[in-house]
Amino acid sequence: MKEKKPCILVVDDSESILQILTRILEKQGYDVVTAGTGKEAMEKLERQACDLALVDLRLPDMDGAYLLSLLHSSNPKMKKILMTGLIPDENLRVLSERADAHLVKPFQTEELLRVIKDVSESKS
């Protein structure tokens, strides 16, 4: 019987970032679902459950922090990683309460995979 591959939802309004992250993650054996908006992400999750979400802070239709809250409400067991450019430390603390980890753009492939692995293996 074939083992189910972990599913990662990637939410970013940049098509090129979605394509790059999809290529990287699929190469590592993940199923990848992409969305360019928060609304699209929530709609896709109604059809397919994912184990982890990579969410950009700035989305065209809603704040990424708000999307993290929606994701937590609809699927509390889903791990969430916030992707963002540099932001003030106090904002990062607040956002970290909604996310299991964060990545500061631009990040390296090795850092992305390490953070995904660490978050996936954490029990919280």
PDB file of N, CA and C in Angstrom:
ATOM      1  N   MET A   1       0.841  -1.178   0.000  1.00  0.00           N
ATOM      2  CA  MET A   1       0.000   0.000   0.000  1.00  0.00           C
ATOM      3  C   MET A   1       0.887   1.242   0.000  1.00  0.00           C
ATOM      4  N   LYS A   2       0.531   2.203  -0.826  1.00  0.00           N
ATOM      5  CA  LYS A   2       1.336   3.410  -0.972  1.00  0.00           C
ATOM      6  C   LYS A   2       1.136   4.344   0.226  1.00  0.00           C
ATOM      7  N   GLU A   3       2.244   4.851   0.779  1.00  0.00           N
ATOM      8  CA  GLU A   3       2.181   5.755   1.920  1.00  0.00           C
ATOM      9  C   GLU A   3       1.694   7.130   1.456  1.00  0.00           C
ATOM     10  N   LYS A   4       0.797   7.732   2.249  1.00  0.00           N
ATOM     11  CA  LYS A   4       0.281   9.055   1.921  1.00  0.00           C
ATOM     12  C   LYS A   4       1.375  10.100   2.113  1.00  0.00           C
ATOM     13  N   LYS A   5       1.584  10.918   1.092  1.00  0.00           N
ATOM     14  CA  LYS A   5       2.582  11.972   1.190  1.00  0.00           C
ATOM     15  C   LYS A   5       1.995  13.137   1.999  1.00  0.00           C
ATOM     16  N   PRO A   6       2.815  13.752   2.844  1.00  0.00           N
ATOM     17  CA  PRO A   6       2.330  14.931   3.560  1.00  0.00           C
ATOM     18  C   PRO A   6       1.949  16.030   2.559  1.00  0.00           C
ATOM     19  N   CYS A   7       0.889  16.755   2.884  1.00  0.00           N
ATOM     20  CA  CYS A   7       0.414  17.831   2.014  1.00  0.00           C
ATOM     21  C   CYS A   7       0.792  19.181   2.619  1.00  0.00           C
ATOM     22  N   ILE A   8       1.320  20.055   1.772  1.00  0.00           N
ATOM     23  CA  ILE A   8       1.664  21.407   2.204  1.00  0.00           C
ATOM     24  C   ILE A   8       0.869  22.401   1.367  1.00  0.00           C
ATOM     25  N   LEU A   9       0.166  23.302   2.052  1.00  0.00           N
ATOM     26  CA  LEU A   9      -0.534  24.402   1.414  1.00  0.00           C
ATOM     27  C   LEU A   9       0.423  25.590   1.363  1.00  0.00           C
ATOM     28  N   VAL A  10       0.628  26.157   0.183  1.00  0.00           N
ATOM     29  CA  VAL A  10       1.486  27.334   0.027  1.00  0.00           C
ATOM     30  C   VAL A  10       0.606  28.490  -0.419  1.00  0.00           C
ATOM     31  N   VAL A  11       0.589  29.570   0.381  1.00  0.00           N
ATOM     32  CA  VAL A  11      -0.250  30.728   0.078  1.00  0.00           C
ATOM     33  C   VAL A  11       0.646  31.945  -0.110  1.00  0.00           C
ATOM     34  N   ASP A  12       0.685  32.450  -1.341  1.00  0.00           N
ATOM     35  CA  ASP A  12       1.500  33.621  -1.672  1.00  0.00           C
ATOM     36  C   ASP A  12       0.904  34.248  -2.921  1.00  0.00           C
ATOM     37  N   ASP A  13       0.924  35.579  -2.994  1.00  0.00           N
ATOM     38  CA  ASP A  13       0.348  36.232  -4.172  1.00  0.00           C
ATOM     39  C   ASP A  13       1.321  36.308  -5.347  1.00  0.00           C
ATOM     40  N   SER A  14       2.540  35.844  -5.151  1.00  0.00           N
ATOM     41  CA  SER A  14       3.525  35.834  -6.232  1.00  0.00           C
ATOM     42  C   SER A  14       3.511  34.475  -6.927  1.00  0.00           C
ATOM     43  N   GLU A  15       3.123  34.476  -8.191  1.00  0.00           N
ATOM     44  CA  GLU A  15       3.064  33.231  -8.966  1.00  0.00           C
ATOM     45  C   GLU A  15       4.439  32.573  -9.050  1.00  0.00           C
ATOM     46  N   SER A  16       5.493  33.380  -9.181  1.00  0.00           N
ATOM     47  CA  SER A  16       6.840  32.800  -9.286  1.00  0.00           C
ATOM     48  C   SER A  16       7.254  32.122  -7.979  1.00  0.00           C
ATOM     49  N   ILE A  17       6.899  32.701  -6.847  1.00  0.00           N
ATOM     50  CA  ILE A  17       7.215  32.067  -5.562  1.00  0.00           C
ATOM     51  C   ILE A  17       6.434  30.762  -5.426  1.00  0.00           C
ATOM     52  N   LEU A  18       5.168  30.770  -5.825  1.00  0.00           N
ATOM     53  CA  LEU A  18       4.370  29.537  -5.770  1.00  0.00           C
ATOM     54  C   LEU A  18       5.006  28.444  -6.623  1.00  0.00           C
ATOM     55  N   GLN A  19       5.452  28.805  -7.818  1.00  0.00           N
ATOM     56  CA  GLN A  19       6.070  27.819  -8.716  1.00  0.00           C
ATOM     57  C   GLN A  19       7.379  27.281  -8.142  1.00  0.00           C
ATOM     58  N   ILE A  20       8.218  28.161  -7.621  1.00  0.00           N
ATOM     59  CA  ILE A  20       9.506  27.739  -7.063  1.00  0.00           C
ATOM     60  C   ILE A  20       9.298  26.831  -5.854  1.00  0.00           C
ATOM     61  N   LEU A  21       8.427  27.252  -4.924  1.00  0.00           N
ATOM     62  CA  LEU A  21       8.196  26.443  -3.730  1.00  0.00           C
ATOM     63  C   LEU A  21       7.552  25.108  -4.083  1.00  0.00           C
ATOM     64  N   THR A  22       6.655  25.101  -5.049  1.00  0.00           N
ATOM     65  CA  THR A  22       6.043  23.835  -5.490  1.00  0.00           C
ATOM     66  C   THR A  22       7.112  22.882  -6.001  1.00  0.00           C
ATOM     67  N   ARG A  23       7.996  23.386  -6.836  1.00  0.00           N
ATOM     68  CA  ARG A  23       9.060  22.553  -7.402  1.00  0.00           C
ATOM     69  C   ARG A  23       9.959  21.988  -6.292  1.00  0.00           C
ATOM     70  N   ILE A  24      10.359  22.833  -5.354  1.00  0.00           N
ATOM     71  CA  ILE A  24      11.229  22.399  -4.253  1.00  0.00           C
ATOM     72  C   ILE A  24      10.532  21.336  -3.404  1.00  0.00           C
ATOM     73  N   LEU A  25       9.291  21.606  -3.023  1.00  0.00           N
ATOM     74  CA  LEU A  25       8.579  20.704  -2.108  1.00  0.00           C
ATOM     75  C   LEU A  25       8.186  19.388  -2.767  1.00  0.00           C
ATOM     76  N   GLU A  26       7.762  19.438  -4.016  1.00  0.00           N
ATOM     77  CA  GLU A  26       7.422  18.188  -4.706  1.00  0.00           C
ATOM     78  C   GLU A  26       8.651  17.309  -4.878  1.00  0.00           C
ATOM     79  N   LYS A  27       9.801  17.942  -5.102  1.00  0.00           N
ATOM     80  CA  LYS A  27      11.057  17.191  -5.227  1.00  0.00           C
ATOM     81  C   LYS A  27      11.388  16.452  -3.921  1.00  0.00           C
ATOM     82  N   GLN A  28      10.901  17.004  -2.795  1.00  0.00           N
ATOM     83  CA  GLN A  28      11.125  16.382  -1.489  1.00  0.00           C
ATOM     84  C   GLN A  28      10.038  15.359  -1.135  1.00  0.00           C
ATOM     85  N   GLY A  29       9.078  15.163  -2.048  1.00  0.00           N
ATOM     86  CA  GLY A  29       8.057  14.143  -1.829  1.00  0.00           C
ATOM     87  C   GLY A  29       6.759  14.640  -1.226  1.00  0.00           C
ATOM     88  N   TYR A  30       6.574  15.949  -1.144  1.00  0.00           N
ATOM     89  CA  TYR A  30       5.332  16.488  -0.594  1.00  0.00           C
ATOM     90  C   TYR A  30       4.288  16.659  -1.699  1.00  0.00           C
ATOM     91  N   ASP A  31       3.015  16.516  -1.326  1.00  0.00           N
ATOM     92  CA  ASP A  31       1.919  16.973  -2.181  1.00  0.00           C
ATOM     93  C   ASP A  31       1.806  18.468  -1.909  1.00  0.00           C
ATOM     94  N   VAL A  32       1.617  19.271  -2.938  1.00  0.00           N
ATOM     95  CA  VAL A  32       1.560  20.722  -2.758  1.00  0.00           C
ATOM     96  C   VAL A  32       0.257  21.263  -3.318  1.00  0.00           C
ATOM     97  N   VAL A  33      -0.399  22.087  -2.516  1.00  0.00           N
ATOM     98  CA  VAL A  33      -1.594  22.809  -2.927  1.00  0.00           C
ATOM     99  C   VAL A  33      -1.228  24.281  -2.850  1.00  0.00           C
ATOM    100  N   THR A  34      -1.506  25.055  -3.904  1.00  0.00           N
ATOM    101  CA  THR A  34      -1.145  26.478  -3.887  1.00  0.00           C
ATOM    102  C   THR A  34      -2.385  27.352  -3.954  1.00  0.00           C
ATOM    103  N   ALA A  35      -2.235  28.556  -3.410  1.00  0.00           N
ATOM    104  CA  ALA A  35      -3.302  29.552  -3.455  1.00  0.00           C
ATOM    105  C   ALA A  35      -2.667  30.938  -3.496  1.00  0.00           C
ATOM    106  N   GLY A  36      -3.279  31.843  -4.255  1.00  0.00           N
ATOM    107  CA  GLY A  36      -2.775  33.200  -4.366  1.00  0.00           C
ATOM    108  C   GLY A  36      -3.445  34.182  -3.428  1.00  0.00           C
ATOM    109  N   THR A  37      -4.539  33.730  -2.784  1.00  0.00           N
ATOM    110  CA  THR A  37      -5.259  34.583  -1.826  1.00  0.00           C
ATOM    111  C   THR A  37      -5.686  33.747  -0.625  1.00  0.00           C
ATOM    112  N   GLY A  38      -6.053  34.427   0.446  1.00  0.00           N
ATOM    113  CA  GLY A  38      -6.553  33.719   1.617  1.00  0.00           C
ATOM    114  C   GLY A  38      -7.862  32.997   1.332  1.00  0.00           C
ATOM    115  N   LYS A  39      -8.750  33.657   0.591  1.00  0.00           N
ATOM    116  CA  LYS A  39     -10.040  33.050   0.247  1.00  0.00           C
ATOM    117  C   LYS A  39      -9.826  31.770  -0.556  1.00  0.00           C
ATOM    118  N   GLU A  40      -8.942  31.831  -1.533  1.00  0.00           N
ATOM    119  CA  GLU A  40      -8.647  30.649  -2.348  1.00  0.00           C
ATOM    120  C   GLU A  40      -8.073  29.527  -1.477  1.00  0.00           C
ATOM    121  N   ALA A  41      -7.220  29.885  -0.526  1.00  0.00           N
ATOM    122  CA  ALA A  41      -6.629  28.885   0.373  1.00  0.00           C
ATOM    123  C   ALA A  41      -7.714  28.175   1.176  1.00  0.00           C
ATOM    124  N   MET A  42      -8.652  28.937   1.733  1.00  0.00           N
ATOM    125  CA  MET A  42      -9.712  28.331   2.535  1.00  0.00           C
ATOM    126  C   MET A  42     -10.614  27.449   1.671  1.00  0.00           C
ATOM    127  N   GLU A  43     -10.896  27.882   0.436  1.00  0.00           N
ATOM    128  CA  GLU A  43     -11.715  27.073  -0.473  1.00  0.00           C
ATOM    129  C   GLU A  43     -11.030  25.757  -0.816  1.00  0.00           C
ATOM    130  N   LYS A  44      -9.724  25.815  -1.074  1.00  0.00           N
ATOM    131  CA  LYS A  44      -8.996  24.594  -1.426  1.00  0.00           C
ATOM    132  C   LYS A  44      -8.931  23.627  -0.253  1.00  0.00           C
ATOM    133  N   LEU A  45      -8.842  24.165   0.964  1.00  0.00           N
ATOM    134  CA  LEU A  45      -8.786  23.296   2.146  1.00  0.00           C
ATOM    135  C   LEU A  45     -10.120  22.599   2.414  1.00  0.00           C
ATOM    136  N   GLU A  46     -11.199  23.139   1.875  1.00  0.00           N
ATOM    137  CA  GLU A  46     -12.495  22.457   2.006  1.00  0.00           C
ATOM    138  C   GLU A  46     -12.503  21.171   1.184  1.00  0.00           C
ATOM    139  N   ARG A  47     -11.696  21.138   0.114  1.00  0.00           N
ATOM    140  CA  ARG A  47     -11.654  19.972  -0.775  1.00  0.00           C
ATOM    141  C   ARG A  47     -10.516  19.016  -0.449  1.00  0.00           C
ATOM    142  N   GLN A  48      -9.429  19.535   0.135  1.00  0.00           N
ATOM    143  CA  GLN A  48      -8.273  18.695   0.425  1.00  0.00           C
ATOM    144  C   GLN A  48      -7.613  19.136   1.726  1.00  0.00           C
ATOM    145  N   ALA A  49      -7.471  18.208   2.637  1.00  0.00           N
ATOM    146  CA  ALA A  49      -6.809  18.511   3.907  1.00  0.00           C
ATOM    147  C   ALA A  49      -5.300  18.577   3.696  1.00  0.00           C
ATOM    148  N   CYS A  50      -4.651  19.499   4.378  1.00  0.00           N
ATOM    149  CA  CYS A  50      -3.191  19.588   4.333  1.00  0.00           C
ATOM    150  C   CYS A  50      -2.633  19.513   5.745  1.00  0.00           C
ATOM    151  N   ASP A  51      -1.392  19.073   5.839  1.00  0.00           N
ATOM    152  CA  ASP A  51      -0.736  18.893   7.126  1.00  0.00           C
ATOM    153  C   ASP A  51      -0.040  20.161   7.606  1.00  0.00           C
ATOM    154  N   LEU A  52       0.352  21.004   6.667  1.00  0.00           N
ATOM    155  CA  LEU A  52       1.154  22.176   6.987  1.00  0.00           C
ATOM    156  C   LEU A  52       0.816  23.283   6.001  1.00  0.00           C
ATOM    157  N   ALA A  53       0.885  24.535   6.477  1.00  0.00           N
ATOM    158  CA  ALA A  53       0.648  25.683   5.591  1.00  0.00           C
ATOM    159  C   ALA A  53       1.832  26.636   5.667  1.00  0.00           C
ATOM    160  N   LEU A  54       2.276  27.088   4.506  1.00  0.00           N
ATOM    161  CA  LEU A  54       3.272  28.164   4.379  1.00  0.00           C
ATOM    162  C   LEU A  54       2.484  29.381   3.924  1.00  0.00           C
ATOM    163  N   VAL A  55       2.415  30.413   4.769  1.00  0.00           N
ATOM    164  CA  VAL A  55       1.549  31.553   4.504  1.00  0.00           C
ATOM    165  C   VAL A  55       2.355  32.842   4.442  1.00  0.00           C
ATOM    166  N   ASP A  56       2.193  33.572   3.343  1.00  0.00           N
ATOM    167  CA  ASP A  56       2.829  34.883   3.221  1.00  0.00           C
ATOM    168  C   ASP A  56       2.052  35.880   4.084  1.00  0.00           C
ATOM    169  N   LEU A  57       2.752  36.816   4.690  1.00  0.00           N
ATOM    170  CA  LEU A  57       2.109  37.812   5.545  1.00  0.00           C
ATOM    171  C   LEU A  57       1.232  38.757   4.743  1.00  0.00           C
ATOM    172  N   ARG A  58       1.690  39.129   3.553  1.00  0.00           N
ATOM    173  CA  ARG A  58       0.948  40.103   2.742  1.00  0.00           C
ATOM    174  C   ARG A  58       0.229  39.399   1.598  1.00  0.00           C
ATOM    175  N   LEU A  59      -1.089  39.379   1.725  1.00  0.00           N
ATOM    176  CA  LEU A  59      -1.934  38.775   0.693  1.00  0.00           C
ATOM    177  C   LEU A  59      -2.889  39.843   0.171  1.00  0.00           C
ATOM    178  N   PRO A  60      -3.349  39.714  -1.062  1.00  0.00           N
ATOM    179  CA  PRO A  60      -4.174  40.770  -1.643  1.00  0.00           C
ATOM    180  C   PRO A  60      -5.547  40.939  -0.990  1.00  0.00           C
ATOM    181  N   ASP A  61      -6.096  39.875  -0.419  1.00  0.00           N
ATOM    182  CA  ASP A  61      -7.458  39.968   0.110  1.00  0.00           C
ATOM    183  C   ASP A  61      -7.552  39.967   1.630  1.00  0.00           C
ATOM    184  N   MET A  62      -6.497  39.563   2.308  1.00  0.00           N
ATOM    185  CA  MET A  62      -6.521  39.568   3.771  1.00  0.00           C
ATOM    186  C   MET A  62      -5.098  39.506   4.299  1.00  0.00           C
ATOM    187  N   ASP A  63      -4.950  39.890   5.538  1.00  0.00           N
ATOM    188  CA  ASP A  63      -3.661  39.836   6.203  1.00  0.00           C
ATOM    189  C   ASP A  63      -3.316  38.369   6.470  1.00  0.00           C
ATOM    190  N   GLY A  64      -2.054  38.001   6.253  1.00  0.00           N
ATOM    191  CA  GLY A  64      -1.625  36.627   6.489  1.00  0.00           C
ATOM    192  C   GLY A  64      -1.846  36.186   7.929  1.00  0.00           C
ATOM    193  N   ALA A  65      -1.722  37.128   8.873  1.00  0.00           N
ATOM    194  CA  ALA A  65      -1.956  36.792  10.287  1.00  0.00           C
ATOM    195  C   ALA A  65      -3.415  36.392  10.503  1.00  0.00           C
ATOM    196  N   TYR A  66      -4.329  37.076   9.821  1.00  0.00           N
ATOM    197  CA  TYR A  66      -5.745  36.727   9.916  1.00  0.00           C
ATOM    198  C   TYR A  66      -5.984  35.341   9.313  1.00  0.00           C
ATOM    199  N   LEU A  67      -5.338  35.069   8.188  1.00  0.00           N
ATOM    200  CA  LEU A  67      -5.467  33.744   7.571  1.00  0.00           C
ATOM    201  C   LEU A  67      -4.947  32.667   8.521  1.00  0.00           C
ATOM    202  N   LEU A  68      -3.849  32.934   9.218  1.00  0.00           N
ATOM    203  CA  LEU A  68      -3.339  31.962  10.198  1.00  0.00           C
ATOM    204  C   LEU A  68      -4.400  31.651  11.251  1.00  0.00           C
ATOM    205  N   SER A  69      -5.131  32.690  11.696  1.00  0.00           N
ATOM    206  CA  SER A  69      -6.200  32.486  12.680  1.00  0.00           C
ATOM    207  C   SER A  69      -7.317  31.620  12.104  1.00  0.00           C
ATOM    208  N   LEU A  70      -7.692  31.895  10.849  1.00  0.00           N
ATOM    209  CA  LEU A  70      -8.734  31.092  10.195  1.00  0.00           C
ATOM    210  C   LEU A  70      -8.294  29.637  10.062  1.00  0.00           C
ATOM    211  N   LEU A  71      -7.037  29.447   9.669  1.00  0.00           N
ATOM    212  CA  LEU A  71      -6.507  28.090   9.524  1.00  0.00           C
ATOM    213  C   LEU A  71      -6.518  27.359  10.864  1.00  0.00           C
ATOM    214  N   HIS A  72      -6.157  28.070  11.927  1.00  0.00           N
ATOM    215  CA  HIS A  72      -6.141  27.444  13.249  1.00  0.00           C
ATOM    216  C   HIS A  72      -7.566  27.054  13.670  1.00  0.00           C
ATOM    217  N   SER A  73      -8.527  27.941  13.397  1.00  0.00           N
ATOM    218  CA  SER A  73      -9.916  27.651  13.761  1.00  0.00           C
ATOM    219  C   SER A  73     -10.469  26.453  12.992  1.00  0.00           C
ATOM    220  N   SER A  74     -10.148  26.378  11.692  1.00  0.00           N
ATOM    221  CA  SER A  74     -10.711  25.313  10.868  1.00  0.00           C
ATOM    222  C   SER A  74      -9.942  23.997  10.985  1.00  0.00           C
ATOM    223  N   ASN A  75      -8.666  24.074  11.329  1.00  0.00           N
ATOM    224  CA  ASN A  75      -7.841  22.874  11.428  1.00  0.00           C
ATOM    225  C   ASN A  75      -6.739  23.086  12.464  1.00  0.00           C
ATOM    226  N   PRO A  76      -7.069  22.959  13.747  1.00  0.00           N
ATOM    227  CA  PRO A  76      -6.100  23.252  14.813  1.00  0.00           C
ATOM    228  C   PRO A  76      -4.824  22.401  14.762  1.00  0.00           C
ATOM    229  N   LYS A  77      -4.896  21.220  14.151  1.00  0.00           N
ATOM    230  CA  LYS A  77      -3.706  20.357  14.117  1.00  0.00           C
ATOM    231  C   LYS A  77      -2.750  20.713  12.979  1.00  0.00           C
ATOM    232  N   MET A  78      -3.210  21.520  12.035  1.00  0.00           N
ATOM    233  CA  MET A  78      -2.346  21.915  10.918  1.00  0.00           C
ATOM    234  C   MET A  78      -1.200  22.785  11.440  1.00  0.00           C
ATOM    235  N   LYS A  79       0.011  22.453  11.021  1.00  0.00           N
ATOM    236  CA  LYS A  79       1.170  23.261  11.364  1.00  0.00           C
ATOM    237  C   LYS A  79       1.195  24.470  10.434  1.00  0.00           C
ATOM    238  N   LYS A  80       1.635  25.622  10.954  1.00  0.00           N
ATOM    239  CA  LYS A  80       1.608  26.849  10.165  1.00  0.00           C
ATOM    240  C   LYS A  80       2.958  27.566  10.241  1.00  0.00           C
ATOM    241  N   ILE A  81       3.473  27.944   9.071  1.00  0.00           N
ATOM    242  CA  ILE A  81       4.727  28.686   8.987  1.00  0.00           C
ATOM    243  C   ILE A  81       4.441  29.992   8.259  1.00  0.00           C
ATOM    244  N   LEU A  82       4.804  31.095   8.885  1.00  0.00           N
ATOM    245  CA  LEU A  82       4.604  32.417   8.301  1.00  0.00           C
ATOM    246  C   LEU A  82       5.831  32.797   7.487  1.00  0.00           C
ATOM    247  N   MET A  83       5.609  33.283   6.263  1.00  0.00           N
ATOM    248  CA  MET A  83       6.703  33.779   5.428  1.00  0.00           C
ATOM    249  C   MET A  83       6.547  35.297   5.340  1.00  0.00           C
ATOM    250  N   THR A  84       7.635  36.024   5.571  1.00  0.00           N
ATOM    251  CA  THR A  84       7.547  37.472   5.534  1.00  0.00           C
ATOM    252  C   THR A  84       8.891  38.111   5.243  1.00  0.00           C
ATOM    253  N   GLY A  85       8.837  39.370   4.826  1.00  0.00           N
ATOM    254  CA  GLY A  85      10.043  40.172   4.745  1.00  0.00           C
ATOM    255  C   GLY A  85      10.372  40.636   6.160  1.00  0.00           C
ATOM    256  N   LEU A  86      11.381  41.453   6.313  1.00  0.00           N
ATOM    257  CA  LEU A  86      11.745  41.933   7.642  1.00  0.00           C
ATOM    258  C   LEU A  86      10.614  42.748   8.249  1.00  0.00           C
ATOM    259  N   ILE A  87      10.269  42.420   9.495  1.00  0.00           N
ATOM    260  CA  ILE A  87       9.268  43.190  10.232  1.00  0.00           C
ATOM    261  C   ILE A  87       9.779  43.420  11.641  1.00  0.00           C
ATOM    262  N   PRO A  88       9.247  44.432  12.334  1.00  0.00           N
ATOM    263  CA  PRO A  88       9.706  44.708  13.698  1.00  0.00           C
ATOM    264  C   PRO A  88       9.517  43.509  14.627  1.00  0.00           C
ATOM    265  N   ASP A  89      10.426  43.380  15.587  1.00  0.00           N
ATOM    266  CA  ASP A  89      10.413  42.237  16.513  1.00  0.00           C
ATOM    267  C   ASP A  89       9.100  42.077  17.267  1.00  0.00           C
ATOM    268  N   GLU A  90       8.482  43.204  17.690  1.00  0.00           N
ATOM    269  CA  GLU A  90       7.247  43.065  18.475  1.00  0.00           C
ATOM    270  C   GLU A  90       6.119  42.487  17.619  1.00  0.00           C
ATOM    271  N   ASN A  91       6.084  42.829  16.329  1.00  0.00           N
ATOM    272  CA  ASN A  91       5.088  42.233  15.447  1.00  0.00           C
ATOM    273  C   ASN A  91       5.344  40.745  15.259  1.00  0.00           C
ATOM    274  N   LEU A  92       6.604  40.387  15.167  1.00  0.00           N
ATOM    275  CA  LEU A  92       6.964  38.987  14.984  1.00  0.00           C
ATOM    276  C   LEU A  92       6.526  38.150  16.184  1.00  0.00           C
ATOM    277  N   ARG A  93       6.643  38.700  17.382  1.00  0.00           N
ATOM    278  CA  ARG A  93       6.215  37.991  18.581  1.00  0.00           C
ATOM    279  C   ARG A  93       4.720  37.696  18.515  1.00  0.00           C
ATOM    280  N   VAL A  94       3.925  38.696  18.139  1.00  0.00           N
ATOM    281  CA  VAL A  94       2.481  38.513  18.025  1.00  0.00           C
ATOM    282  C   VAL A  94       2.159  37.472  16.959  1.00  0.00           C
ATOM    283  N   LEU A  95       2.813  37.577  15.803  1.00  0.00           N
ATOM    284  CA  LEU A  95       2.557  36.628  14.723  1.00  0.00           C
ATOM    285  C   LEU A  95       2.991  35.226  15.093  1.00  0.00           C
ATOM    286  N   SER A  96       4.050  35.119  15.859  1.00  0.00           N
ATOM    287  CA  SER A  96       4.549  33.800  16.255  1.00  0.00           C
ATOM    288  C   SER A  96       3.560  33.061  17.137  1.00  0.00           C
ATOM    289  N   GLU A  97       2.672  33.802  17.789  1.00  0.00           N
ATOM    290  CA  GLU A  97       1.643  33.149  18.598  1.00  0.00           C
ATOM    291  C   GLU A  97       0.630  32.429  17.709  1.00  0.00           C
ATOM    292  N   ARG A  98       0.518  32.847  16.458  1.00  0.00           N
ATOM    293  CA  ARG A  98      -0.430  32.242  15.517  1.00  0.00           C
ATOM    294  C   ARG A  98       0.243  31.228  14.601  1.00  0.00           C
ATOM    295  N   ALA A  99       1.557  31.264  14.539  1.00  0.00           N
ATOM    296  CA  ALA A  99       2.298  30.374  13.645  1.00  0.00           C
ATOM    297  C   ALA A  99       3.235  29.496  14.470  1.00  0.00           C
ATOM    298  N   ASP A 100       3.566  28.342  13.923  1.00  0.00           N
ATOM    299  CA  ASP A 100       4.500  27.439  14.595  1.00  0.00           C
ATOM    300  C   ASP A 100       5.942  27.850  14.350  1.00  0.00           C
ATOM    301  N   ALA A 101       6.162  28.616  13.275  1.00  0.00           N
ATOM    302  CA  ALA A 101       7.509  29.092  12.932  1.00  0.00           C
ATOM    303  C   ALA A 101       7.361  30.206  11.910  1.00  0.00           C
ATOM    304  N   HIS A 102       8.463  30.862  11.607  1.00  0.00           N
ATOM    305  CA  HIS A 102       8.433  31.873  10.554  1.00  0.00           C
ATOM    306  C   HIS A 102       9.712  31.795   9.731  1.00  0.00           C
ATOM    307  N   LEU A 103       9.616  32.265   8.520  1.00  0.00           N
ATOM    308  CA  LEU A 103      10.762  32.362   7.613  1.00  0.00           C
ATOM    309  C   LEU A 103      10.820  33.795   7.106  1.00  0.00           C
ATOM    310  N   VAL A 104      12.001  34.382   7.129  1.00  0.00           N
ATOM    311  CA  VAL A 104      12.177  35.735   6.608  1.00  0.00           C
ATOM    312  C   VAL A 104      12.658  35.630   5.163  1.00  0.00           C
ATOM    313  N   LYS A 105      11.897  36.249   4.255  1.00  0.00           N
ATOM    314  CA  LYS A 105      12.259  36.248   2.833  1.00  0.00           C
ATOM    315  C   LYS A 105      13.399  37.220   2.599  1.00  0.00           C
ATOM    316  N   PRO A 106      14.275  36.945   1.692  1.00  0.00           N
ATOM    317  CA  PRO A 106      14.396  35.695   0.950  1.00  0.00           C
ATOM    318  C   PRO A 106      15.087  34.640   1.814  1.00  0.00           C
ATOM    319  N   PHE A 107      14.666  33.409   1.721  1.00  0.00           N
ATOM    320  CA  PHE A 107      15.276  32.328   2.488  1.00  0.00           C
ATOM    321  C   PHE A 107      15.857  31.304   1.535  1.00  0.00           C
ATOM    322  N   GLN A 108      16.790  30.534   2.051  1.00  0.00           N
ATOM    323  CA  GLN A 108      17.452  29.490   1.269  1.00  0.00           C
ATOM    324  C   GLN A 108      16.629  28.195   1.332  1.00  0.00           C
ATOM    325  N   THR A 109      16.754  27.369   0.326  1.00  0.00           N
ATOM    326  CA  THR A 109      16.042  26.091   0.273  1.00  0.00           C
ATOM    327  C   THR A 109      16.326  25.257   1.516  1.00  0.00           C
ATOM    328  N   GLU A 110      17.591  25.211   1.946  1.00  0.00           N
ATOM    329  CA  GLU A 110      17.962  24.400   3.114  1.00  0.00           C
ATOM    330  C   GLU A 110      17.238  24.884   4.369  1.00  0.00           C
ATOM    331  N   GLU A 111      17.120  26.206   4.516  1.00  0.00           N
ATOM    332  CA  GLU A 111      16.422  26.764   5.677  1.00  0.00           C
ATOM    333  C   GLU A 111      14.939  26.408   5.623  1.00  0.00           C
ATOM    334  N   LEU A 112      14.325  26.534   4.460  1.00  0.00           N
ATOM    335  CA  LEU A 112      12.920  26.169   4.280  1.00  0.00           C
ATOM    336  C   LEU A 112      12.688  24.721   4.691  1.00  0.00           C
ATOM    337  N   LEU A 113      13.495  23.815   4.165  1.00  0.00           N
ATOM    338  CA  LEU A 113      13.311  22.388   4.456  1.00  0.00           C
ATOM    339  C   LEU A 113      13.578  22.063   5.916  1.00  0.00           C
ATOM    340  N   ARG A 114      14.550  22.732   6.520  1.00  0.00           N
ATOM    341  CA  ARG A 114      14.844  22.514   7.945  1.00  0.00           C
ATOM    342  C   ARG A 114      13.668  22.958   8.807  1.00  0.00           C
ATOM    343  N   VAL A 115      13.110  24.134   8.525  1.00  0.00           N
ATOM    344  CA  VAL A 115      11.991  24.643   9.310  1.00  0.00           C
ATOM    345  C   VAL A 115      10.769  23.741   9.143  1.00  0.00           C
ATOM    346  N   ILE A 116      10.496  23.303   7.928  1.00  0.00           N
ATOM    347  CA  ILE A 116       9.375  22.381   7.696  1.00  0.00           C
ATOM    348  C   ILE A 116       9.577  21.095   8.492  1.00  0.00           C
ATOM    349  N   LYS A 117      10.774  20.557   8.450  1.00  0.00           N
ATOM    350  CA  LYS A 117      11.071  19.318   9.181  1.00  0.00           C
ATOM    351  C   LYS A 117      10.900  19.514  10.681  1.00  0.00           C
ATOM    352  N   ASP A 118      11.470  20.622  11.204  1.00  0.00           N
ATOM    353  CA  ASP A 118      11.363  20.895  12.649  1.00  0.00           C
ATOM    354  C   ASP A 118       9.916  21.048  13.094  1.00  0.00           C
ATOM    355  N   VAL A 119       9.138  21.810  12.333  1.00  0.00           N
ATOM    356  CA  VAL A 119       7.740  22.040  12.680  1.00  0.00           C
ATOM    357  C   VAL A 119       6.936  20.749  12.563  1.00  0.00           C
ATOM    358  N   SER A 120       7.183  19.986  11.527  1.00  0.00           N
ATOM    359  CA  SER A 120       6.463  18.732  11.318  1.00  0.00           C
ATOM    360  C   SER A 120       6.723  17.728  12.430  1.00  0.00           C
ATOM    361  N   GLU A 121       7.927  17.747  12.974  1.00  0.00           N
ATOM    362  CA  GLU A 121       8.289  16.786  14.021  1.00  0.00           C
ATOM    363  C   GLU A 121       7.905  17.249  15.420  1.00  0.00           C
ATOM    364  N   SER A 122       7.557  18.536  15.578  1.00  0.00           N
ATOM    365  CA  SER A 122       7.177  19.039  16.904  1.00  0.00           C
ATOM    366  C   SER A 122       5.801  18.494  17.275  1.00  0.00           C
ATOM    367  N   LYS A 123       5.595  18.278  18.547  1.00  0.00           N
ATOM    368  CA  LYS A 123       4.361  17.654  19.015  1.00  0.00           C
ATOM    369  C   LYS A 123       3.259  18.656  19.359  1.00  0.00           C
ATOM    370  N   SER A 124       3.578  19.927  19.441  1.00  0.00           N
ATOM    371  CA  SER A 124       2.580  20.911  19.896  1.00  0.00           C
ATOM    372  C   SER A 124       1.484  21.143  18.906  1.00  0.00           C
TER     373      SER A 124
END
